[in-house]
Amino acid sequence: DVHVIIGESDQVVLPQQAFWYYENATGATNREYVEVPTCGHRFEGPYNQAVLRDALSWAFQGRRPTGFPLARETPSEFWD
């Protein structure tokens, strides 16, 4: 399984770069890509910290916590 989570406003890793891992994990049984809205690289703020904490349950226990961002098919500002 491949689970990729990134802040939509990450200043260090672009969503397009993180999406590469999702896109190239073609052999994974399950794969999911999630961008956290209005979130930077450090996942600052109560909501972003809760999402990051809940990401462990999402990735390792297969449970999508209440309020967890939805999966996406493309990264924001998709490049060709």
PDB file of N, CA and C in Angstrom:
ATOM      1  N   ASP A   1       0.835  -1.186   0.000  1.00  0.00           N
ATOM      2  CA  ASP A   1       0.000   0.000   0.000  1.00  0.00           C
ATOM      3  C   ASP A   1       0.876   1.245   0.000  1.00  0.00           C
ATOM      4  N   VAL A   2       0.408   2.273  -0.680  1.00  0.00           N
ATOM      5  CA  VAL A   2       1.108   3.558  -0.708  1.00  0.00           C
ATOM      6  C   VAL A   2       0.103   4.645  -0.343  1.00  0.00           C
ATOM      7  N   HIS A   3       0.420   5.382   0.701  1.00  0.00           N
ATOM      8  CA  HIS A   3      -0.402   6.501   1.139  1.00  0.00           C
ATOM      9  C   HIS A   3       0.476   7.740   1.157  1.00  0.00           C
ATOM     10  N   VAL A   4       0.093   8.740   0.381  1.00  0.00           N
ATOM     11  CA  VAL A   4       0.864   9.976   0.288  1.00  0.00           C
ATOM     12  C   VAL A   4       0.005  11.107   0.841  1.00  0.00           C
ATOM     13  N   ILE A   5       0.550  11.869   1.780  1.00  0.00           N
ATOM     14  CA  ILE A   5      -0.143  13.026   2.331  1.00  0.00           C
ATOM     15  C   ILE A   5       0.808  14.216   2.270  1.00  0.00           C
ATOM     16  N   ILE A   6       0.270  15.352   1.854  1.00  0.00           N
ATOM     17  CA  ILE A   6       1.084  16.559   1.733  1.00  0.00           C
ATOM     18  C   ILE A   6       0.204  17.767   1.978  1.00  0.00           C
ATOM     19  N   GLY A   7       0.828  18.828   2.465  1.00  0.00           N
ATOM     20  CA  GLY A   7       0.121  20.091   2.608  1.00  0.00           C
ATOM     21  C   GLY A   7      -0.038  20.747   1.248  1.00  0.00           C
ATOM     22  N   GLU A   8      -1.228  21.235   0.978  1.00  0.00           N
ATOM     23  CA  GLU A   8      -1.506  21.871  -0.310  1.00  0.00           C
ATOM     24  C   GLU A   8      -0.594  23.075  -0.559  1.00  0.00           C
ATOM     25  N   SER A   9      -0.168  23.731   0.517  1.00  0.00           N
ATOM     26  CA  SER A   9       0.678  24.927   0.402  1.00  0.00           C
ATOM     27  C   SER A   9       2.114  24.645   0.846  1.00  0.00           C
ATOM     28  N   ASP A  10       2.552  23.404   0.723  1.00  0.00           N
ATOM     29  CA  ASP A  10       3.902  23.035   1.157  1.00  0.00           C
ATOM     30  C   ASP A  10       4.931  23.887   0.416  1.00  0.00           C
ATOM     31  N   GLN A  11       5.853  24.492   1.158  1.00  0.00           N
ATOM     32  CA  GLN A  11       6.868  25.359   0.582  1.00  0.00           C
ATOM     33  C   GLN A  11       8.173  24.614   0.287  1.00  0.00           C
ATOM     34  N   VAL A  12       8.285  23.384   0.740  1.00  0.00           N
ATOM     35  CA  VAL A  12       9.514  22.617   0.573  1.00  0.00           C
ATOM     36  C   VAL A  12       9.341  21.525  -0.493  1.00  0.00           C
ATOM     37  N   VAL A  13       8.267  20.773  -0.396  1.00  0.00           N
ATOM     38  CA  VAL A  13       7.965  19.716  -1.356  1.00  0.00           C
ATOM     39  C   VAL A  13       6.691  20.123  -2.085  1.00  0.00           C
ATOM     40  N   LEU A  14       6.762  20.260  -3.388  1.00  0.00           N
ATOM     41  CA  LEU A  14       5.582  20.626  -4.158  1.00  0.00           C
ATOM     42  C   LEU A  14       4.605  19.457  -4.227  1.00  0.00           C
ATOM     43  N   PRO A  15       3.301  19.726  -4.224  1.00  0.00           N
ATOM     44  CA  PRO A  15       2.347  18.633  -4.375  1.00  0.00           C
ATOM     45  C   PRO A  15       2.645  17.770  -5.603  1.00  0.00           C
ATOM     46  N   GLN A  16       3.115  18.390  -6.680  1.00  0.00           N
ATOM     47  CA  GLN A  16       3.434  17.629  -7.891  1.00  0.00           C
ATOM     48  C   GLN A  16       4.565  16.627  -7.637  1.00  0.00           C
ATOM     49  N   GLN A  17       5.516  17.018  -6.786  1.00  0.00           N
ATOM     50  CA  GLN A  17       6.622  16.112  -6.462  1.00  0.00           C
ATOM     51  C   GLN A  17       6.130  14.949  -5.615  1.00  0.00           C
ATOM     52  N   ALA A  18       5.281  15.215  -4.646  1.00  0.00           N
ATOM     53  CA  ALA A  18       4.742  14.154  -3.795  1.00  0.00           C
ATOM     54  C   ALA A  18       3.853  13.216  -4.598  1.00  0.00           C
ATOM     55  N   PHE A  19       3.128  13.780  -5.554  1.00  0.00           N
ATOM     56  CA  PHE A  19       2.240  12.977  -6.392  1.00  0.00           C
ATOM     57  C   PHE A  19       3.021  11.945  -7.196  1.00  0.00           C
ATOM     58  N   TRP A  20       4.260  12.226  -7.502  1.00  0.00           N
ATOM     59  CA  TRP A  20       5.100  11.303  -8.260  1.00  0.00           C
ATOM     60  C   TRP A  20       5.124   9.922  -7.598  1.00  0.00           C
ATOM     61  N   TYR A  21       5.208   9.880  -6.274  1.00  0.00           N
ATOM     62  CA  TYR A  21       5.247   8.603  -5.554  1.00  0.00           C
ATOM     63  C   TYR A  21       3.946   7.833  -5.738  1.00  0.00           C
ATOM     64  N   TYR A  22       2.829   8.534  -5.656  1.00  0.00           N
ATOM     65  CA  TYR A  22       1.527   7.911  -5.886  1.00  0.00           C
ATOM     66  C   TYR A  22       1.427   7.396  -7.321  1.00  0.00           C
ATOM     67  N   GLU A  23       1.781   8.249  -8.241  1.00  0.00           N
ATOM     68  CA  GLU A  23       1.644   7.933  -9.664  1.00  0.00           C
ATOM     69  C   GLU A  23       2.504   6.734 -10.084  1.00  0.00           C
ATOM     70  N   ASN A  24       3.667   6.586  -9.496  1.00  0.00           N
ATOM     71  CA  ASN A  24       4.596   5.527  -9.883  1.00  0.00           C
ATOM     72  C   ASN A  24       4.482   4.256  -9.048  1.00  0.00           C
ATOM     73  N   ALA A  25       3.565   4.244  -8.108  1.00  0.00           N
ATOM     74  CA  ALA A  25       3.368   3.051  -7.286  1.00  0.00           C
ATOM     75  C   ALA A  25       2.362   2.122  -7.948  1.00  0.00           C
ATOM     76  N   THR A  26       2.604   1.804  -9.193  1.00  0.00           N
ATOM     77  CA  THR A  26       1.642   1.022  -9.970  1.00  0.00           C
ATOM     78  C   THR A  26       1.519  -0.421  -9.482  1.00  0.00           C
ATOM     79  N   GLY A  27       2.493  -0.905  -8.766  1.00  0.00           N
ATOM     80  CA  GLY A  27       2.426  -2.266  -8.241  1.00  0.00           C
ATOM     81  C   GLY A  27       1.748  -2.364  -6.888  1.00  0.00           C
ATOM     82  N   ALA A  28       1.382  -1.241  -6.306  1.00  0.00           N
ATOM     83  CA  ALA A  28       0.739  -1.244  -4.992  1.00  0.00           C
ATOM     84  C   ALA A  28      -0.693  -1.754  -5.101  1.00  0.00           C
ATOM     85  N   THR A  29      -1.096  -2.545  -4.145  1.00  0.00           N
ATOM     86  CA  THR A  29      -2.465  -3.039  -4.111  1.00  0.00           C
ATOM     87  C   THR A  29      -3.440  -1.885  -3.906  1.00  0.00           C
ATOM     88  N   ASN A  30      -3.124  -1.027  -2.974  1.00  0.00           N
ATOM     89  CA  ASN A  30      -3.930   0.158  -2.690  1.00  0.00           C
ATOM     90  C   ASN A  30      -3.007   1.366  -2.685  1.00  0.00           C
ATOM     91  N   ARG A  31      -3.471   2.468  -3.234  1.00  0.00           N
ATOM     92  CA  ARG A  31      -2.696   3.699  -3.190  1.00  0.00           C
ATOM     93  C   ARG A  31      -3.663   4.864  -3.095  1.00  0.00           C
ATOM     94  N   GLU A  32      -3.221   5.886  -2.380  1.00  0.00           N
ATOM     95  CA  GLU A  32      -4.074   7.039  -2.163  1.00  0.00           C
ATOM     96  C   GLU A  32      -3.201   8.275  -1.996  1.00  0.00           C
ATOM     97  N   TYR A  33      -3.672   9.381  -2.569  1.00  0.00           N
ATOM     98  CA  TYR A  33      -2.963  10.656  -2.515  1.00  0.00           C
ATOM     99  C   TYR A  33      -3.899  11.690  -1.888  1.00  0.00           C
ATOM    100  N   VAL A  34      -3.424  12.355  -0.847  1.00  0.00           N
ATOM    101  CA  VAL A  34      -4.239  13.329  -0.121  1.00  0.00           C
ATOM    102  C   VAL A  34      -3.465  14.629   0.025  1.00  0.00           C
ATOM    103  N   GLU A  35      -4.116  15.736  -0.322  1.00  0.00           N
ATOM    104  CA  GLU A  35      -3.578  17.072  -0.061  1.00  0.00           C
ATOM    105  C   GLU A  35      -4.420  17.707   1.035  1.00  0.00           C
ATOM    106  N   VAL A  36      -3.750  18.247   2.030  1.00  0.00           N
ATOM    107  CA  VAL A  36      -4.451  18.911   3.128  1.00  0.00           C
ATOM    108  C   VAL A  36      -4.588  20.387   2.771  1.00  0.00           C
ATOM    109  N   PRO A  37      -5.828  20.890   2.661  1.00  0.00           N
ATOM    110  CA  PRO A  37      -6.041  22.287   2.266  1.00  0.00           C
ATOM    111  C   PRO A  37      -5.426  23.265   3.267  1.00  0.00           C
ATOM    112  N   THR A  38      -4.939  24.367   2.752  1.00  0.00           N
ATOM    113  CA  THR A  38      -4.336  25.452   3.553  1.00  0.00           C
ATOM    114  C   THR A  38      -3.346  24.920   4.583  1.00  0.00           C
ATOM    115  N   CYS A  39      -2.497  24.017   4.150  1.00  0.00           N
ATOM    116  CA  CYS A  39      -1.507  23.397   5.035  1.00  0.00           C
ATOM    117  C   CYS A  39      -0.131  23.530   4.413  1.00  0.00           C
ATOM    118  N   GLY A  40       0.846  23.939   5.226  1.00  0.00           N
ATOM    119  CA  GLY A  40       2.219  24.047   4.775  1.00  0.00           C
ATOM    120  C   GLY A  40       3.028  22.811   5.134  1.00  0.00           C
ATOM    121  N   HIS A  41       4.316  22.905   4.958  1.00  0.00           N
ATOM    122  CA  HIS A  41       5.232  21.781   5.170  1.00  0.00           C
ATOM    123  C   HIS A  41       5.227  21.277   6.617  1.00  0.00           C
ATOM    124  N   ARG A  42       5.005  22.168   7.567  1.00  0.00           N
ATOM    125  CA  ARG A  42       5.093  21.784   8.980  1.00  0.00           C
ATOM    126  C   ARG A  42       3.773  21.340   9.589  1.00  0.00           C
ATOM    127  N   PHE A  43       2.713  21.320   8.822  1.00  0.00           N
ATOM    128  CA  PHE A  43       1.393  20.924   9.329  1.00  0.00           C
ATOM    129  C   PHE A  43       1.042  21.700  10.598  1.00  0.00           C
ATOM    130  N   GLU A  44       1.230  23.019  10.544  1.00  0.00           N
ATOM    131  CA  GLU A  44       0.960  23.865  11.712  1.00  0.00           C
ATOM    132  C   GLU A  44      -0.532  24.123  11.864  1.00  0.00           C
ATOM    133  N   GLY A  45      -0.935  24.342  13.082  1.00  0.00           N
ATOM    134  CA  GLY A  45      -2.327  24.617  13.399  1.00  0.00           C
ATOM    135  C   GLY A  45      -3.033  23.366  13.906  1.00  0.00           C
ATOM    136  N   PRO A  46      -4.063  23.560  14.718  1.00  0.00           N
ATOM    137  CA  PRO A  46      -4.743  22.416  15.342  1.00  0.00           C
ATOM    138  C   PRO A  46      -5.314  21.408  14.330  1.00  0.00           C
ATOM    139  N   TYR A  47      -5.984  21.896  13.282  1.00  0.00           N
ATOM    140  CA  TYR A  47      -6.575  20.970  12.305  1.00  0.00           C
ATOM    141  C   TYR A  47      -5.485  20.181  11.580  1.00  0.00           C
ATOM    142  N   ASN A  48      -4.458  20.877  11.108  1.00  0.00           N
ATOM    143  CA  ASN A  48      -3.391  20.210  10.356  1.00  0.00           C
ATOM    144  C   ASN A  48      -2.639  19.213  11.222  1.00  0.00           C
ATOM    145  N   GLN A  49      -2.428  19.550  12.483  1.00  0.00           N
ATOM    146  CA  GLN A  49      -1.755  18.619  13.401  1.00  0.00           C
ATOM    147  C   GLN A  49      -2.613  17.376  13.631  1.00  0.00           C
ATOM    148  N   ALA A  50      -3.926  17.575  13.739  1.00  0.00           N
ATOM    149  CA  ALA A  50      -4.833  16.435  13.923  1.00  0.00           C
ATOM    150  C   ALA A  50      -4.826  15.536  12.691  1.00  0.00           C
ATOM    151  N   VAL A  51      -4.802  16.140  11.505  1.00  0.00           N
ATOM    152  CA  VAL A  51      -4.753  15.348  10.272  1.00  0.00           C
ATOM    153  C   VAL A  51      -3.467  14.537  10.227  1.00  0.00           C
ATOM    154  N   LEU A  52      -2.353  15.161  10.563  1.00  0.00           N
ATOM    155  CA  LEU A  52      -1.073  14.448  10.542  1.00  0.00           C
ATOM    156  C   LEU A  52      -1.078  13.307  11.552  1.00  0.00           C
ATOM    157  N   ARG A  53      -1.618  13.545  12.714  1.00  0.00           N
ATOM    158  CA  ARG A  53      -1.707  12.500  13.735  1.00  0.00           C
ATOM    159  C   ARG A  53      -2.616  11.354  13.252  1.00  0.00           C
ATOM    160  N   ASP A  54      -3.736  11.713  12.626  1.00  0.00           N
ATOM    161  CA  ASP A  54      -4.680  10.709  12.141  1.00  0.00           C
ATOM    162  C   ASP A  54      -4.157   9.959  10.919  1.00  0.00           C
ATOM    163  N   ALA A  55      -3.148  10.504  10.268  1.00  0.00           N
ATOM    164  CA  ALA A  55      -2.588   9.856   9.081  1.00  0.00           C
ATOM    165  C   ALA A  55      -2.026   8.476   9.416  1.00  0.00           C
ATOM    166  N   LEU A  56      -1.602   8.274  10.639  1.00  0.00           N
ATOM    167  CA  LEU A  56      -1.086   6.954  11.034  1.00  0.00           C
ATOM    168  C   LEU A  56      -2.187   5.900  10.965  1.00  0.00           C
ATOM    169  N   SER A  57      -3.378   6.230  11.472  1.00  0.00           N
ATOM    170  CA  SER A  57      -4.514   5.305  11.394  1.00  0.00           C
ATOM    171  C   SER A  57      -4.906   5.056   9.948  1.00  0.00           C
ATOM    172  N   TRP A  58      -4.886   6.116   9.149  1.00  0.00           N
ATOM    173  CA  TRP A  58      -5.242   6.030   7.735  1.00  0.00           C
ATOM    174  C   TRP A  58      -4.283   5.105   6.985  1.00  0.00           C
ATOM    175  N   ALA A  59      -2.988   5.298   7.196  1.00  0.00           N
ATOM    176  CA  ALA A  59      -1.989   4.546   6.441  1.00  0.00           C
ATOM    177  C   ALA A  59      -1.774   3.128   6.961  1.00  0.00           C
ATOM    178  N   PHE A  60      -1.782   2.961   8.276  1.00  0.00           N
ATOM    179  CA  PHE A  60      -1.381   1.665   8.825  1.00  0.00           C
ATOM    180  C   PHE A  60      -2.530   0.798   9.318  1.00  0.00           C
ATOM    181  N   GLN A  61      -3.699   1.395   9.530  1.00  0.00           N
ATOM    182  CA  GLN A  61      -4.833   0.601  10.000  1.00  0.00           C
ATOM    183  C   GLN A  61      -5.985   0.590   9.000  1.00  0.00           C
ATOM    184  N   GLY A  62      -5.829   1.320   7.900  1.00  0.00           N
ATOM    185  CA  GLY A  62      -6.854   1.324   6.870  1.00  0.00           C
ATOM    186  C   GLY A  62      -8.139   2.028   7.259  1.00  0.00           C
ATOM    187  N   ARG A  63      -8.072   2.908   8.253  1.00  0.00           N
ATOM    188  CA  ARG A  63      -9.270   3.641   8.693  1.00  0.00           C
ATOM    189  C   ARG A  63      -9.158   5.099   8.297  1.00  0.00           C
ATOM    190  N   ARG A  64     -10.187   5.618   7.672  1.00  0.00           N
ATOM    191  CA  ARG A  64     -10.225   7.038   7.320  1.00  0.00           C
ATOM    192  C   ARG A  64     -10.913   7.759   8.471  1.00  0.00           C
ATOM    193  N   PRO A  65     -10.153   8.556   9.231  1.00  0.00           N
ATOM    194  CA  PRO A  65     -10.738   9.278  10.359  1.00  0.00           C
ATOM    195  C   PRO A  65     -11.787  10.296   9.913  1.00  0.00           C
ATOM    196  N   THR A  66     -12.727  10.600  10.779  1.00  0.00           N
ATOM    197  CA  THR A  66     -13.746  11.608  10.520  1.00  0.00           C
ATOM    198  C   THR A  66     -13.074  12.944  10.243  1.00  0.00           C
ATOM    199  N   GLY A  67     -13.497  13.604   9.191  1.00  0.00           N
ATOM    200  CA  GLY A  67     -12.937  14.906   8.848  1.00  0.00           C
ATOM    201  C   GLY A  67     -11.627  14.857   8.082  1.00  0.00           C
ATOM    202  N   PHE A  68     -11.131  13.648   7.791  1.00  0.00           N
ATOM    203  CA  PHE A  68      -9.872  13.504   7.065  1.00  0.00           C
ATOM    204  C   PHE A  68     -10.086  13.939   5.617  1.00  0.00           C
ATOM    205  N   PRO A  69      -9.130  14.663   5.010  1.00  0.00           N
ATOM    206  CA  PRO A  69      -9.303  15.114   3.627  1.00  0.00           C
ATOM    207  C   PRO A  69      -9.519  13.948   2.663  1.00  0.00           C
ATOM    208  N   LEU A  70     -10.270  14.220   1.614  1.00  0.00           N
ATOM    209  CA  LEU A  70     -10.554  13.197   0.612  1.00  0.00           C
ATOM    210  C   LEU A  70      -9.352  12.963  -0.300  1.00  0.00           C
ATOM    211  N   ALA A  71      -9.289  11.778  -0.860  1.00  0.00           N
ATOM    212  CA  ALA A  71      -8.225  11.443  -1.809  1.00  0.00           C
ATOM    213  C   ALA A  71      -8.440  12.204  -3.103  1.00  0.00           C
ATOM    214  N   ARG A  72      -7.352  12.413  -3.816  1.00  0.00           N
ATOM    215  CA  ARG A  72      -7.398  13.114  -5.104  1.00  0.00           C
ATOM    216  C   ARG A  72      -6.814  12.222  -6.187  1.00  0.00           C
ATOM    217  N   GLU A  73      -7.189  12.541  -7.413  1.00  0.00           N
ATOM    218  CA  GLU A  73      -6.666  11.824  -8.581  1.00  0.00           C
ATOM    219  C   GLU A  73      -5.498  12.564  -9.221  1.00  0.00           C
ATOM    220  N   THR A  74      -5.385  13.860  -8.953  1.00  0.00           N
ATOM    221  CA  THR A  74      -4.306  14.687  -9.503  1.00  0.00           C
ATOM    222  C   THR A  74      -3.857  15.662  -8.416  1.00  0.00           C
ATOM    223  N   PRO A  75      -2.618  16.120  -8.488  1.00  0.00           N
ATOM    224  CA  PRO A  75      -2.170  17.132  -7.527  1.00  0.00           C
ATOM    225  C   PRO A  75      -2.678  18.515  -7.934  1.00  0.00           C
ATOM    226  N   SER A  76      -2.672  19.421  -6.991  1.00  0.00           N
ATOM    227  CA  SER A  76      -3.028  20.793  -7.343  1.00  0.00           C
ATOM    228  C   SER A  76      -1.958  21.330  -8.286  1.00  0.00           C
ATOM    229  N   GLU A  77      -2.365  22.231  -9.173  1.00  0.00           N
ATOM    230  CA  GLU A  77      -1.456  22.811 -10.166  1.00  0.00           C
ATOM    231  C   GLU A  77      -0.698  21.718 -10.918  1.00  0.00           C
ATOM    232  N   PHE A  78      -1.436  20.776 -11.447  1.00  0.00           N
ATOM    233  CA  PHE A  78      -0.852  19.630 -12.148  1.00  0.00           C
ATOM    234  C   PHE A  78       0.020  20.109 -13.316  1.00  0.00           C
ATOM    235  N   TRP A  79       1.141  19.459 -13.490  1.00  0.00           N
ATOM    236  CA  TRP A  79       2.059  19.808 -14.571  1.00  0.00           C
ATOM    237  C   TRP A  79       1.967  18.766 -15.674  1.00  0.00           C
ATOM    238  N   ASP A  80       2.367  19.113 -16.887  1.00  0.00           N
ATOM    239  CA  ASP A  80       2.334  18.172 -18.015  1.00  0.00           C
ATOM    240  C   ASP A  80       3.622  17.377 -18.081  1.00  0.00           C
TER     241      ASP A  80
END
